């Protein structure tokens, strides 16, 4: 039997283990179990997996009686169970059943992470600090990559090399001052794509703004904290800019707009003042950056360069391909992780790197998990949005808006290991009742 002191010790281990996991999550250190034709058919085990599984086991041991007491079959409980059941059936029917069940394991990891964040006793502000520290390092690396136009590889940090000269690397192609077309490496950080870095940094920036406003209103913002927060803010904002991710830019604009209009509606003068103090210098800073890098910004928003036209055409084609696969497999789907295999069956003559998931999470979920998986995912997002509105957690609603916006134009939240765990973390934070909220 565990003593009281022993129980307190294990709870502290669980708490600080969560802080460590959140800090390490953005780093993609992994062991390649089986390398597939593409990233989406590769079997990998990540360092974060082992830490997460250890924390789940510790949580179960500490809450054994609570977990295994008689279950009340509520509507949400039955809905989640039914959702998982249909995804399990789709895995049984998948072309590559092994891959489907391996990706189903990722889904269970994400749900476990969600449960830990939503139910474990910890300091939310410490968890946010751990996340912001990890994102600060990602932002610093991204800024370094842009200014040096190089990206070094490291197996221990899970970093891949990105050379802007090579095809397949995410770059901005624009005309330089000498009239010659140039290829500028976009900021990756430690992620697989600049869009991923942009998406997670936007959420980090909104969390940071909520902390700054909350501490300023309560009068608990110390001088040292103010310096550190200001430095982190500048780094996150700069790195978001250098990702040149249009989805991240749009998400940030929409998320900030929700906070702004809520403050106007509620006539929260103190919060309006604090937001203005943050937003005005940030806006001036972005205008200066845009002026310095005007050719790159115009290339990204004008859609006139060769790469931008190619990117938009491929994105539209991926929507059409996804709709065709959904039509043929609308009920059960093709199985988790099997989308690119289904696409290969539709178009067998393409190169391996041309088989990419649909650039829309909602279409991808329907294609892989079937109509029940799609409706379940959509229903959860709707429930979460309703909960945030009812409890007036408008920073949470702004973050949810960022997620939905970037989900509309990308796939990594569902197709990649990091994306699923990231959703588990952010959804768990939004489900907690003691979230930072505007009063």
Foldseek 3Di string as FASTA:
>chain_A
DQDPVRLVVLLVVLQVLLLVLLLLLVFFQWDFPADDLDPLQTDIDGPSLVSLVVSLVSVCVSCVCVVPDDDDDDPVNVLVVVLLVLLLVLLVQAPPNVSQVSLVVLLVSLQSLLCCLQDRDYDPVSSLVSNLVSLLQLLVQQVVCQVVVWWDDDNRRQADTAHQVDPPADWFWFQDPVRDIDTTHFGQRNHPALLVSLLSLLLSLLVLLLVQLVCVVVVNQDPVNVVVSVVSNVSSLVNNVRSLHPLSVVLNVQLLVLVQVVCVVVVVPSSNVSVCVVPPVSVVVVVVVCVVVVRRNCSSPVCPDPVSVVVVVLLVVLVVLLVVLCVVQQAAANGASCQLVVVCVVPVPDRSVSSDHHQAQLSRQRNHGHPSSSCSVVVVLVVLLVVCVVLQASSLNSSSSSVNSNNGGGHCLRSDSSNSNVCSNSSSQSSHPPHSHDD
